N, C-alpha and C. Protein backbone atom coordinates (compact mmCIF):
# COMPACT_ATOMS: atom_id res chain seq x y z
N MET A 1 -16.49 11.08 -3.23
CA MET A 1 -15.44 10.35 -3.80
C MET A 1 -14.81 11.10 -5.02
N ILE A 2 -13.48 11.15 -5.03
CA ILE A 2 -12.77 11.71 -6.12
C ILE A 2 -11.97 10.59 -6.85
N ASP A 3 -12.26 10.52 -8.12
CA ASP A 3 -11.57 9.51 -8.97
C ASP A 3 -10.25 10.13 -9.39
N ILE A 4 -9.17 9.57 -9.01
CA ILE A 4 -7.85 10.10 -9.34
C ILE A 4 -7.10 9.22 -10.34
N THR A 5 -7.86 8.38 -11.05
CA THR A 5 -7.42 7.46 -12.00
C THR A 5 -7.48 8.11 -13.47
N ARG A 6 -6.48 7.98 -14.23
CA ARG A 6 -6.46 8.36 -15.63
C ARG A 6 -7.30 7.43 -16.51
N PRO A 7 -7.96 7.86 -17.51
CA PRO A 7 -8.66 6.96 -18.38
C PRO A 7 -7.68 6.15 -19.19
N LEU A 8 -7.97 4.87 -19.53
CA LEU A 8 -7.18 4.06 -20.35
C LEU A 8 -7.92 3.86 -21.77
N GLY A 9 -7.29 4.32 -22.80
CA GLY A 9 -7.91 4.16 -24.05
C GLY A 9 -6.95 4.25 -25.13
N ALA A 10 -7.35 4.22 -26.37
CA ALA A 10 -6.47 4.22 -27.57
C ALA A 10 -5.63 5.54 -27.62
N ASP A 11 -6.12 6.62 -27.01
CA ASP A 11 -5.42 7.86 -27.04
C ASP A 11 -4.51 8.11 -25.86
N THR A 12 -4.49 7.16 -24.92
CA THR A 12 -3.80 7.41 -23.73
C THR A 12 -2.19 7.27 -24.04
N ALA A 13 -1.53 8.26 -23.62
CA ALA A 13 -0.08 8.33 -23.93
C ALA A 13 0.68 7.32 -23.16
N GLU A 14 1.68 6.68 -23.77
CA GLU A 14 2.55 5.72 -23.10
C GLU A 14 3.93 6.36 -22.94
N TRP A 15 4.66 5.76 -22.05
CA TRP A 15 6.15 6.15 -21.88
C TRP A 15 6.70 5.99 -23.25
N PRO A 16 7.53 6.91 -23.79
CA PRO A 16 8.12 6.79 -25.07
C PRO A 16 8.86 5.44 -25.26
N GLY A 17 8.36 4.67 -26.38
CA GLY A 17 8.94 3.44 -26.68
C GLY A 17 8.27 2.18 -26.03
N ASP A 18 7.37 2.51 -25.01
CA ASP A 18 6.62 1.47 -24.36
C ASP A 18 5.40 1.00 -25.21
N THR A 19 4.81 -0.05 -24.75
CA THR A 19 3.62 -0.69 -25.42
C THR A 19 2.44 0.22 -25.14
N PRO A 20 1.74 0.73 -26.24
CA PRO A 20 0.58 1.53 -26.06
C PRO A 20 -0.60 0.65 -25.74
N PHE A 21 -1.65 1.28 -25.37
CA PHE A 21 -2.97 0.58 -25.09
C PHE A 21 -3.67 0.31 -26.46
N SER A 22 -4.12 -0.86 -26.61
CA SER A 22 -5.01 -1.19 -27.77
C SER A 22 -6.06 -2.15 -27.39
N ILE A 23 -7.16 -2.10 -28.13
CA ILE A 23 -8.24 -3.01 -27.81
C ILE A 23 -8.79 -3.44 -29.17
N ASP A 24 -9.13 -4.75 -29.31
CA ASP A 24 -9.86 -5.22 -30.45
C ASP A 24 -10.81 -6.26 -29.97
N TRP A 25 -11.49 -6.88 -30.93
CA TRP A 25 -12.66 -7.72 -30.48
C TRP A 25 -12.55 -9.14 -31.14
N THR A 26 -12.59 -10.15 -30.28
CA THR A 26 -12.55 -11.54 -30.80
C THR A 26 -14.02 -11.99 -31.10
N GLN A 27 -14.97 -11.43 -30.40
CA GLN A 27 -16.46 -11.51 -30.73
C GLN A 27 -17.16 -10.22 -30.53
N HIS A 28 -18.22 -9.99 -31.18
CA HIS A 28 -18.90 -8.69 -30.95
C HIS A 28 -20.40 -8.86 -31.49
N LEU A 29 -21.25 -8.21 -30.79
CA LEU A 29 -22.72 -8.32 -31.01
C LEU A 29 -23.02 -7.83 -32.50
N TRP A 30 -22.27 -6.76 -32.89
CA TRP A 30 -22.54 -6.20 -34.24
C TRP A 30 -22.14 -7.13 -35.37
N ARG A 31 -21.35 -8.15 -35.03
CA ARG A 31 -20.90 -9.15 -36.04
C ARG A 31 -21.96 -10.27 -36.10
N GLY A 32 -22.92 -10.26 -35.19
CA GLY A 32 -23.79 -11.30 -35.13
C GLY A 32 -23.51 -12.42 -34.09
N ASP A 33 -22.36 -12.16 -33.29
CA ASP A 33 -22.11 -13.05 -32.15
C ASP A 33 -23.10 -12.83 -31.04
N ASN A 34 -23.24 -13.80 -30.15
CA ASN A 34 -24.19 -13.72 -29.08
C ASN A 34 -23.64 -12.86 -27.91
N VAL A 35 -22.36 -12.64 -27.92
CA VAL A 35 -21.80 -11.84 -26.87
C VAL A 35 -20.58 -10.97 -27.51
N SER A 36 -20.21 -9.88 -26.75
CA SER A 36 -19.05 -9.20 -27.15
C SER A 36 -17.88 -9.52 -26.25
N VAL A 37 -16.65 -9.87 -26.84
CA VAL A 37 -15.51 -10.26 -26.03
C VAL A 37 -14.36 -9.44 -26.63
N SER A 38 -13.73 -8.71 -25.76
CA SER A 38 -12.52 -7.88 -26.27
C SER A 38 -11.21 -8.50 -25.91
N ARG A 39 -10.20 -8.06 -26.59
CA ARG A 39 -8.75 -8.39 -26.28
C ARG A 39 -8.01 -7.08 -26.04
N ILE A 40 -7.29 -6.97 -24.99
CA ILE A 40 -6.64 -5.81 -24.60
C ILE A 40 -5.10 -6.04 -24.54
N VAL A 41 -4.34 -5.13 -25.17
CA VAL A 41 -2.84 -5.17 -25.07
C VAL A 41 -2.39 -3.87 -24.53
N LEU A 42 -1.50 -3.90 -23.59
CA LEU A 42 -0.99 -2.62 -22.88
C LEU A 42 0.25 -3.00 -22.05
N SER A 43 0.98 -2.01 -21.82
CA SER A 43 2.06 -1.99 -20.84
C SER A 43 1.45 -1.75 -19.51
N PRO A 44 1.83 -2.42 -18.41
CA PRO A 44 1.23 -2.11 -17.08
C PRO A 44 1.60 -0.81 -16.55
N HIS A 45 2.54 -0.12 -17.31
CA HIS A 45 2.96 1.23 -16.86
C HIS A 45 2.22 2.38 -17.55
N ILE A 46 1.30 2.07 -18.40
CA ILE A 46 0.46 3.09 -19.06
C ILE A 46 -0.71 3.49 -18.18
N GLY A 47 -1.09 4.66 -18.12
CA GLY A 47 -2.11 5.18 -17.24
C GLY A 47 -1.75 5.12 -15.80
N THR A 48 -2.76 5.08 -14.90
CA THR A 48 -2.42 5.04 -13.46
C THR A 48 -2.04 3.65 -13.14
N HIS A 49 -0.88 3.50 -12.44
CA HIS A 49 -0.36 2.16 -12.14
C HIS A 49 0.46 2.23 -10.91
N ALA A 50 0.81 1.02 -10.37
CA ALA A 50 1.68 0.84 -9.32
C ALA A 50 2.92 0.03 -9.72
N ASP A 51 4.11 0.61 -9.46
CA ASP A 51 5.38 -0.09 -9.70
C ASP A 51 5.64 -0.93 -8.52
N ALA A 52 6.08 -2.11 -8.92
CA ALA A 52 6.59 -3.09 -7.84
C ALA A 52 8.10 -3.10 -7.91
N PRO A 53 8.80 -3.51 -6.80
CA PRO A 53 10.28 -3.59 -6.82
C PRO A 53 10.83 -4.35 -8.01
N ALA A 54 10.16 -5.31 -8.59
CA ALA A 54 10.61 -6.06 -9.74
C ALA A 54 10.89 -5.23 -10.94
N HIS A 55 10.39 -4.02 -10.95
CA HIS A 55 10.49 -3.04 -12.09
C HIS A 55 11.93 -2.55 -12.09
N PHE A 56 12.64 -2.44 -11.02
CA PHE A 56 13.92 -1.85 -10.99
C PHE A 56 14.96 -2.60 -10.17
N GLN A 57 14.54 -3.72 -9.59
CA GLN A 57 15.50 -4.54 -8.72
C GLN A 57 15.43 -6.04 -9.28
N SER A 58 16.61 -6.59 -9.51
CA SER A 58 16.65 -7.98 -9.90
C SER A 58 16.21 -8.83 -8.70
N GLY A 59 15.21 -9.68 -8.97
CA GLY A 59 14.66 -10.49 -7.93
C GLY A 59 13.72 -9.79 -7.00
N GLY A 60 13.31 -8.59 -7.28
CA GLY A 60 12.40 -7.83 -6.50
C GLY A 60 10.96 -8.36 -6.49
N ALA A 61 10.24 -8.00 -5.49
CA ALA A 61 8.83 -8.49 -5.44
C ALA A 61 8.00 -7.98 -6.64
N THR A 62 7.15 -8.84 -7.06
CA THR A 62 6.23 -8.55 -8.21
C THR A 62 4.88 -7.96 -7.74
N SER A 63 4.08 -7.49 -8.73
CA SER A 63 2.81 -6.88 -8.33
C SER A 63 1.82 -7.82 -7.75
N GLY A 64 2.04 -9.15 -7.95
CA GLY A 64 1.20 -10.16 -7.27
C GLY A 64 1.53 -10.36 -5.86
N GLU A 65 2.66 -9.72 -5.40
CA GLU A 65 3.11 -9.87 -4.03
C GLU A 65 2.89 -8.58 -3.19
N PHE A 66 2.20 -7.58 -3.75
CA PHE A 66 1.92 -6.38 -3.03
C PHE A 66 1.23 -6.67 -1.70
N ASP A 67 1.53 -5.87 -0.69
CA ASP A 67 0.77 -5.94 0.51
C ASP A 67 -0.35 -4.89 0.31
N LEU A 68 -1.55 -5.40 0.15
CA LEU A 68 -2.69 -4.56 -0.13
C LEU A 68 -3.02 -3.61 0.91
N ALA A 69 -2.62 -3.79 2.19
CA ALA A 69 -2.91 -2.86 3.21
C ALA A 69 -2.26 -1.43 2.91
N ALA A 70 -1.14 -1.49 2.19
CA ALA A 70 -0.48 -0.22 1.86
C ALA A 70 -1.43 0.66 0.88
N PHE A 71 -2.28 0.08 0.19
CA PHE A 71 -3.09 0.84 -0.79
C PHE A 71 -4.43 1.32 -0.24
N ILE A 72 -4.67 1.09 1.05
CA ILE A 72 -5.96 1.48 1.67
C ILE A 72 -5.73 2.13 2.93
N GLY A 73 -6.19 3.38 3.04
CA GLY A 73 -6.04 4.04 4.37
C GLY A 73 -5.74 5.56 4.26
N PRO A 74 -5.50 6.16 5.34
CA PRO A 74 -5.31 7.69 5.35
C PRO A 74 -4.10 8.00 4.43
N VAL A 75 -4.34 9.14 3.76
CA VAL A 75 -3.28 9.75 2.84
C VAL A 75 -3.30 11.22 2.90
N LEU A 76 -2.10 11.79 2.64
CA LEU A 76 -1.98 13.16 2.55
C LEU A 76 -1.66 13.58 1.14
N VAL A 77 -2.50 14.40 0.58
CA VAL A 77 -2.23 15.01 -0.74
C VAL A 77 -1.49 16.34 -0.56
N ILE A 78 -0.38 16.47 -1.29
CA ILE A 78 0.38 17.78 -1.21
C ILE A 78 0.58 18.36 -2.56
N ASP A 79 0.78 19.66 -2.72
CA ASP A 79 0.92 20.36 -3.97
C ASP A 79 2.39 20.79 -4.12
N ALA A 80 3.03 20.24 -5.06
CA ALA A 80 4.48 20.58 -5.22
C ALA A 80 4.69 21.22 -6.60
N ARG A 81 3.60 21.74 -7.14
CA ARG A 81 3.77 22.59 -8.44
C ARG A 81 4.57 23.71 -8.26
N GLY A 82 5.47 23.98 -9.25
CA GLY A 82 6.39 25.06 -9.23
C GLY A 82 7.75 24.74 -8.69
N SER A 83 7.88 23.59 -8.06
CA SER A 83 9.10 23.03 -7.62
C SER A 83 9.94 22.36 -8.81
N ASP A 84 11.20 22.50 -8.83
CA ASP A 84 12.05 21.86 -9.73
C ASP A 84 12.39 20.41 -9.30
N LEU A 85 12.26 20.22 -8.00
CA LEU A 85 12.57 18.95 -7.30
C LEU A 85 11.71 18.76 -6.15
N VAL A 86 11.14 17.61 -6.00
CA VAL A 86 10.36 17.26 -4.77
C VAL A 86 11.41 16.85 -3.72
N SER A 87 11.85 17.86 -3.06
CA SER A 87 13.05 17.67 -2.08
C SER A 87 12.50 17.38 -0.68
N THR A 88 13.45 17.09 0.23
CA THR A 88 13.10 16.96 1.60
C THR A 88 12.49 18.22 2.18
N GLU A 89 13.03 19.37 1.82
CA GLU A 89 12.50 20.67 2.26
C GLU A 89 11.02 20.83 1.83
N VAL A 90 10.75 20.44 0.58
CA VAL A 90 9.34 20.47 0.11
C VAL A 90 8.44 19.60 0.99
N MET A 91 8.90 18.39 1.25
CA MET A 91 8.13 17.43 2.08
C MET A 91 7.89 18.00 3.44
N LYS A 92 9.00 18.58 4.05
CA LYS A 92 8.82 19.18 5.35
C LYS A 92 7.87 20.34 5.48
N GLU A 93 8.05 21.23 4.43
CA GLU A 93 7.14 22.41 4.34
C GLU A 93 5.64 22.02 4.33
N ARG A 94 5.33 20.90 3.68
CA ARG A 94 3.97 20.52 3.43
C ARG A 94 3.50 19.44 4.48
N GLY A 95 4.38 19.18 5.41
CA GLY A 95 3.91 18.25 6.48
C GLY A 95 3.78 16.86 6.13
N ALA A 96 4.63 16.34 5.05
CA ALA A 96 4.57 15.01 4.57
C ALA A 96 5.42 13.98 5.38
N ILE A 97 6.49 14.56 5.99
CA ILE A 97 7.40 13.68 6.72
C ILE A 97 6.71 13.03 7.95
N GLY A 98 6.60 11.78 8.02
CA GLY A 98 5.87 11.15 9.14
C GLY A 98 4.54 10.63 8.74
N ARG A 99 4.12 10.89 7.53
CA ARG A 99 2.80 10.37 7.08
C ARG A 99 3.00 9.01 6.44
N THR A 100 1.98 8.18 6.62
CA THR A 100 2.11 6.80 6.03
C THR A 100 1.93 6.72 4.55
N ARG A 101 1.06 7.63 4.03
CA ARG A 101 0.87 7.61 2.61
C ARG A 101 0.91 9.07 2.10
N VAL A 102 1.58 9.31 1.02
CA VAL A 102 1.72 10.70 0.56
C VAL A 102 1.50 10.64 -1.01
N LEU A 103 0.60 11.47 -1.54
CA LEU A 103 0.42 11.71 -2.95
C LEU A 103 0.85 13.05 -3.29
N VAL A 104 1.58 13.23 -4.41
CA VAL A 104 2.13 14.50 -4.84
C VAL A 104 1.60 15.01 -6.08
N ARG A 105 0.98 16.18 -6.13
CA ARG A 105 0.57 16.84 -7.33
C ARG A 105 1.73 17.74 -7.78
N SER A 106 2.18 17.45 -9.03
CA SER A 106 3.40 18.14 -9.60
C SER A 106 3.06 18.84 -10.91
N LEU A 107 1.94 18.40 -11.65
CA LEU A 107 1.56 18.89 -12.91
C LEU A 107 0.46 19.94 -12.86
N GLU A 108 0.55 20.98 -13.71
CA GLU A 108 -0.48 21.98 -13.77
C GLU A 108 -1.78 21.43 -14.26
N GLU A 109 -1.65 20.56 -15.24
CA GLU A 109 -2.92 19.94 -15.79
C GLU A 109 -2.50 18.61 -16.24
N VAL A 110 -3.52 17.69 -16.36
CA VAL A 110 -3.33 16.33 -16.75
C VAL A 110 -4.07 16.13 -18.07
N ARG A 111 -3.32 15.77 -19.13
CA ARG A 111 -3.89 15.45 -20.41
C ARG A 111 -3.52 14.04 -20.76
N PRO A 112 -4.38 13.06 -20.62
CA PRO A 112 -4.09 11.67 -20.80
C PRO A 112 -3.52 11.33 -22.11
N GLU A 113 -3.88 12.14 -23.18
CA GLU A 113 -3.32 11.87 -24.58
C GLU A 113 -1.92 12.48 -24.77
N GLU A 114 -1.38 13.15 -23.80
CA GLU A 114 -0.01 13.70 -23.89
C GLU A 114 0.89 13.15 -22.83
N PHE A 115 2.14 12.82 -23.23
CA PHE A 115 3.01 12.36 -22.31
C PHE A 115 3.79 13.55 -21.69
N HIS A 116 3.70 13.68 -20.38
CA HIS A 116 4.24 14.81 -19.62
C HIS A 116 5.66 14.52 -19.22
N GLU A 117 6.61 15.24 -20.02
CA GLU A 117 8.12 15.06 -19.74
C GLU A 117 8.61 16.05 -18.71
N ASP A 118 7.93 17.10 -18.60
CA ASP A 118 8.41 18.18 -17.66
C ASP A 118 7.72 18.08 -16.33
N PHE A 119 8.40 17.39 -15.40
CA PHE A 119 7.86 17.17 -14.03
C PHE A 119 8.96 17.23 -13.03
N PRO A 120 8.72 17.58 -11.82
CA PRO A 120 9.76 17.56 -10.77
C PRO A 120 9.97 16.16 -10.16
N PRO A 121 11.13 15.57 -10.39
CA PRO A 121 11.30 14.24 -9.70
C PRO A 121 11.43 14.26 -8.18
N LEU A 122 11.34 13.13 -7.60
CA LEU A 122 11.47 12.97 -6.16
C LEU A 122 13.01 12.80 -5.89
N ALA A 123 13.43 13.64 -4.99
CA ALA A 123 14.88 13.47 -4.57
C ALA A 123 15.08 12.19 -3.76
N ALA A 124 16.22 11.52 -3.99
CA ALA A 124 16.41 10.23 -3.32
C ALA A 124 16.56 10.49 -1.84
N GLU A 125 17.14 11.63 -1.41
CA GLU A 125 17.14 11.90 0.05
C GLU A 125 15.82 12.12 0.66
N ALA A 126 14.87 12.70 -0.07
CA ALA A 126 13.47 12.93 0.36
C ALA A 126 12.77 11.57 0.51
N ALA A 127 13.04 10.69 -0.39
CA ALA A 127 12.46 9.32 -0.37
C ALA A 127 13.00 8.64 0.87
N GLU A 128 14.24 8.71 1.18
CA GLU A 128 14.78 8.10 2.29
C GLU A 128 14.27 8.65 3.63
N ALA A 129 14.02 10.00 3.65
CA ALA A 129 13.53 10.62 4.82
C ALA A 129 12.00 10.14 5.11
N LEU A 130 11.23 10.07 4.00
CA LEU A 130 9.88 9.59 4.06
C LEU A 130 9.88 8.10 4.58
N VAL A 131 10.77 7.25 4.06
CA VAL A 131 10.89 5.87 4.50
C VAL A 131 11.20 5.81 5.99
N SER A 132 12.22 6.52 6.32
CA SER A 132 12.62 6.52 7.76
C SER A 132 11.55 6.98 8.70
N ALA A 133 10.65 7.78 8.27
CA ALA A 133 9.56 8.30 9.08
C ALA A 133 8.33 7.50 9.03
N GLY A 134 8.41 6.27 8.31
CA GLY A 134 7.24 5.35 8.40
C GLY A 134 6.37 5.29 7.15
N LEU A 135 6.77 5.83 6.02
CA LEU A 135 5.98 5.75 4.76
C LEU A 135 5.65 4.27 4.37
N VAL A 136 4.47 4.04 3.86
CA VAL A 136 4.12 2.75 3.37
C VAL A 136 3.71 2.83 1.88
N LEU A 137 3.37 4.04 1.40
CA LEU A 137 3.01 4.23 -0.04
C LEU A 137 3.35 5.59 -0.58
N TYR A 138 3.84 5.69 -1.75
CA TYR A 138 4.10 7.05 -2.32
C TYR A 138 3.41 7.09 -3.68
N GLY A 139 2.82 8.23 -3.97
CA GLY A 139 2.17 8.40 -5.24
C GLY A 139 2.40 9.80 -5.84
N THR A 140 2.34 9.86 -7.17
CA THR A 140 2.58 11.10 -7.90
C THR A 140 1.72 11.17 -9.18
N ASP A 141 1.43 12.28 -9.60
CA ASP A 141 0.77 12.48 -10.96
C ASP A 141 1.78 12.45 -12.09
N ALA A 142 3.01 12.44 -11.82
CA ALA A 142 4.05 12.33 -12.77
C ALA A 142 4.17 10.88 -13.37
N PRO A 143 4.83 10.73 -14.50
CA PRO A 143 4.95 9.34 -15.08
C PRO A 143 6.11 8.64 -14.34
N SER A 144 6.94 9.28 -13.50
CA SER A 144 8.08 8.57 -12.83
C SER A 144 8.38 9.45 -11.61
N VAL A 145 8.97 8.72 -10.57
CA VAL A 145 9.51 9.49 -9.41
C VAL A 145 10.99 9.93 -9.78
N ASP A 146 11.54 9.37 -10.77
CA ASP A 146 12.93 9.71 -11.11
C ASP A 146 12.95 10.55 -12.45
N PRO A 147 13.98 11.23 -12.78
CA PRO A 147 14.03 12.07 -13.93
C PRO A 147 13.89 11.16 -15.19
N MET A 148 13.47 11.64 -16.29
CA MET A 148 13.32 10.94 -17.51
C MET A 148 14.51 10.13 -17.95
N ASP A 149 15.69 10.75 -17.82
CA ASP A 149 16.87 10.14 -18.36
C ASP A 149 17.71 9.39 -17.25
N SER A 150 17.07 9.15 -16.14
CA SER A 150 17.79 8.52 -15.03
C SER A 150 18.05 7.06 -15.34
N ALA A 151 19.30 6.66 -15.18
CA ALA A 151 19.66 5.24 -15.25
C ALA A 151 19.75 4.56 -13.94
N SER A 152 20.15 5.34 -12.93
CA SER A 152 20.29 4.74 -11.58
C SER A 152 19.03 4.59 -10.87
N MET A 153 17.94 5.36 -11.16
CA MET A 153 16.62 5.27 -10.60
C MET A 153 16.66 5.35 -9.02
N ASP A 154 17.39 6.33 -8.60
CA ASP A 154 17.65 6.38 -7.09
C ASP A 154 16.40 6.47 -6.35
N ALA A 155 15.44 7.32 -6.71
CA ALA A 155 14.23 7.37 -5.92
C ALA A 155 13.40 6.13 -5.86
N HIS A 156 13.29 5.49 -7.10
CA HIS A 156 12.70 4.17 -7.13
C HIS A 156 13.35 3.16 -6.17
N ARG A 157 14.67 3.18 -6.15
CA ARG A 157 15.40 2.23 -5.35
C ARG A 157 15.27 2.53 -3.88
N ALA A 158 15.29 3.77 -3.52
CA ALA A 158 15.13 4.20 -2.02
C ALA A 158 13.77 3.78 -1.49
N LEU A 159 12.75 3.82 -2.32
CA LEU A 159 11.38 3.36 -1.90
C LEU A 159 11.36 1.89 -2.01
N GLY A 160 11.83 1.30 -3.09
CA GLY A 160 11.72 -0.18 -3.27
C GLY A 160 12.45 -1.03 -2.24
N ALA A 161 13.61 -0.42 -1.86
CA ALA A 161 14.34 -1.15 -0.80
C ALA A 161 13.56 -1.37 0.48
N ALA A 162 12.58 -0.46 0.72
CA ALA A 162 11.73 -0.67 1.89
C ALA A 162 10.38 -1.33 1.52
N GLY A 163 10.27 -1.83 0.33
CA GLY A 163 9.10 -2.46 -0.14
C GLY A 163 7.89 -1.61 -0.33
N ILE A 164 8.18 -0.35 -0.62
CA ILE A 164 7.07 0.64 -0.73
C ILE A 164 6.55 0.71 -2.15
N PRO A 165 5.23 0.41 -2.34
CA PRO A 165 4.64 0.65 -3.73
C PRO A 165 4.73 2.07 -4.21
N ILE A 166 4.88 2.29 -5.49
CA ILE A 166 4.91 3.61 -6.06
C ILE A 166 3.75 3.74 -7.04
N LEU A 167 2.80 4.67 -6.82
CA LEU A 167 1.74 4.94 -7.68
C LEU A 167 2.24 6.15 -8.64
N GLU A 168 1.97 5.85 -9.90
CA GLU A 168 2.38 6.93 -10.92
C GLU A 168 1.20 7.21 -11.83
N ASN A 169 1.31 8.35 -12.51
CA ASN A 169 0.29 8.79 -13.46
C ASN A 169 -1.12 8.94 -12.84
N LEU A 170 -1.20 9.47 -11.59
CA LEU A 170 -2.42 9.78 -10.93
C LEU A 170 -2.94 11.17 -11.58
N ASP A 171 -4.21 11.34 -11.39
CA ASP A 171 -4.82 12.61 -11.73
C ASP A 171 -5.30 13.30 -10.50
N LEU A 172 -4.53 14.26 -10.06
CA LEU A 172 -4.88 14.92 -8.77
C LEU A 172 -5.43 16.35 -9.01
N THR A 173 -5.89 16.61 -10.23
CA THR A 173 -6.37 17.94 -10.47
C THR A 173 -7.60 18.42 -9.70
N ARG A 174 -8.40 17.35 -9.26
CA ARG A 174 -9.59 17.71 -8.52
C ARG A 174 -9.48 17.51 -7.01
N ALA A 175 -8.21 17.16 -6.55
CA ALA A 175 -8.00 16.94 -5.17
C ALA A 175 -7.26 18.19 -4.53
N GLN A 176 -7.88 18.84 -3.69
CA GLN A 176 -7.18 19.90 -2.95
C GLN A 176 -6.18 19.31 -1.89
N PRO A 177 -5.11 20.01 -1.68
CA PRO A 177 -4.19 19.43 -0.68
C PRO A 177 -4.87 19.29 0.69
N GLY A 178 -4.46 18.22 1.30
CA GLY A 178 -5.08 17.85 2.60
C GLY A 178 -5.23 16.38 2.80
N ASP A 179 -5.98 16.01 3.84
CA ASP A 179 -6.15 14.65 4.28
C ASP A 179 -7.37 13.92 3.66
N TYR A 180 -7.10 12.70 3.25
CA TYR A 180 -8.18 11.87 2.64
C TYR A 180 -7.99 10.43 3.12
N ASP A 181 -8.90 9.57 2.68
CA ASP A 181 -8.72 8.15 2.71
C ASP A 181 -8.51 7.69 1.22
N LEU A 182 -7.54 6.84 1.06
CA LEU A 182 -7.18 6.27 -0.25
C LEU A 182 -7.61 4.86 -0.39
N PHE A 183 -8.17 4.60 -1.54
CA PHE A 183 -8.51 3.17 -1.90
C PHE A 183 -8.00 2.98 -3.37
N ALA A 184 -6.93 2.24 -3.58
CA ALA A 184 -6.22 2.15 -4.83
C ALA A 184 -5.74 0.82 -5.04
N LEU A 185 -6.49 -0.22 -5.21
CA LEU A 185 -6.00 -1.58 -5.29
C LEU A 185 -5.40 -1.87 -6.72
N PRO A 186 -4.25 -2.60 -6.79
CA PRO A 186 -3.73 -2.98 -8.00
C PRO A 186 -4.34 -4.37 -8.32
N MET A 187 -4.17 -4.74 -9.70
CA MET A 187 -4.66 -6.15 -10.03
C MET A 187 -3.62 -7.09 -9.51
N LYS A 188 -3.98 -8.28 -9.34
CA LYS A 188 -3.13 -9.40 -8.89
C LYS A 188 -2.44 -10.04 -10.10
N LEU A 189 -1.47 -9.38 -10.65
CA LEU A 189 -0.84 -9.88 -11.84
C LEU A 189 0.45 -10.66 -11.42
N GLU A 190 0.37 -11.95 -11.47
CA GLU A 190 1.55 -12.82 -11.00
C GLU A 190 2.69 -12.64 -11.93
N GLY A 191 3.87 -12.32 -11.30
CA GLY A 191 5.11 -12.22 -12.14
C GLY A 191 5.33 -10.86 -12.85
N ALA A 192 4.44 -10.00 -12.77
CA ALA A 192 4.49 -8.65 -13.43
C ALA A 192 5.22 -7.71 -12.51
N GLU A 193 5.87 -6.70 -13.19
CA GLU A 193 6.66 -5.68 -12.52
C GLU A 193 5.78 -4.41 -12.09
N ALA A 194 4.57 -4.42 -12.57
CA ALA A 194 3.67 -3.24 -12.37
C ALA A 194 2.22 -3.77 -12.58
N SER A 195 1.24 -2.89 -12.22
CA SER A 195 -0.11 -3.20 -12.39
C SER A 195 -0.94 -1.95 -12.48
N PRO A 196 -1.97 -1.97 -13.44
CA PRO A 196 -2.89 -0.87 -13.44
C PRO A 196 -3.64 -0.80 -12.13
N VAL A 197 -4.06 0.38 -11.82
CA VAL A 197 -4.74 0.65 -10.53
C VAL A 197 -5.93 1.52 -10.75
N ARG A 198 -7.03 1.22 -10.05
CA ARG A 198 -8.17 2.21 -10.07
C ARG A 198 -8.13 2.85 -8.68
N ALA A 199 -7.81 4.24 -8.56
CA ALA A 199 -7.57 4.94 -7.40
C ALA A 199 -8.60 5.96 -7.14
N VAL A 200 -9.12 5.98 -5.92
CA VAL A 200 -10.07 7.04 -5.53
C VAL A 200 -9.70 7.54 -4.12
N LEU A 201 -10.06 8.85 -3.92
CA LEU A 201 -9.97 9.48 -2.67
C LEU A 201 -11.37 9.57 -2.07
N LEU A 202 -11.44 9.32 -0.68
CA LEU A 202 -12.62 9.39 0.02
C LEU A 202 -12.39 10.43 1.16
N PRO A 203 -13.51 11.03 1.67
CA PRO A 203 -13.27 11.96 2.78
C PRO A 203 -12.54 11.31 3.94
N SER A 204 -11.67 12.09 4.54
CA SER A 204 -10.85 11.60 5.68
C SER A 204 -11.78 11.02 6.76
N GLY A 205 -11.43 9.84 7.21
CA GLY A 205 -12.28 9.16 8.24
C GLY A 205 -13.21 8.10 7.71
N THR A 206 -13.34 8.09 6.42
CA THR A 206 -14.37 7.10 5.83
C THR A 206 -13.94 5.75 6.15
N LEU A 207 -12.69 5.38 6.09
CA LEU A 207 -12.26 4.05 6.35
C LEU A 207 -11.77 3.93 7.78
N THR A 208 -12.67 4.07 8.72
CA THR A 208 -12.31 4.16 10.13
C THR A 208 -11.55 2.95 10.63
N GLY A 209 -10.54 3.09 11.26
CA GLY A 209 -9.75 1.95 11.83
C GLY A 209 -8.61 1.55 10.93
N ARG A 210 -8.51 2.11 9.72
CA ARG A 210 -7.42 1.77 8.88
C ARG A 210 -6.23 2.68 9.21
N ASP A 211 -4.97 2.15 8.91
CA ASP A 211 -3.84 3.01 9.01
C ASP A 211 -2.89 2.63 7.88
């Protein structure tokens, strides 16, 4: 099993201007309470998470409406490091077109305490090509599938129009390119536009019968 989830903690970097992760205690054993009870505040986009269509589409489906089948099953991990853009050509060269789930490594290293601004975004036409070929889930180690300054969010919209969940802020540093089984369930957050995810890769064929 390869854990491809980034840790969530006080040092975890958030999208600039977004709500950071914080934790405090309403009860704690060291205070003399009989139990420890914490309180957590965070943006659902910090750390490894899944974007729902409601993040970028008015009236779009929320994270509580995710089709969980998309998050479980065969997945292809590809390496797009060195590319300025995750284009259709990049996807074709790495055999991603026609795969149901694709995870893209784009960062040389992952440092949870640093926000990674320099990453290759997903081209909208590449997203459309993946969708047309039967994609059900797309994931990346980058903080977004669109450029940092994108207002139109074309790649988000191309995937969201097909109801495809988007995993972001993965840690693929220990995953060699190739076939795996993915298990990456989001929390059932009713009305939210995103959800934290615990994502792991298993040897291909572990989840026999899944697609």
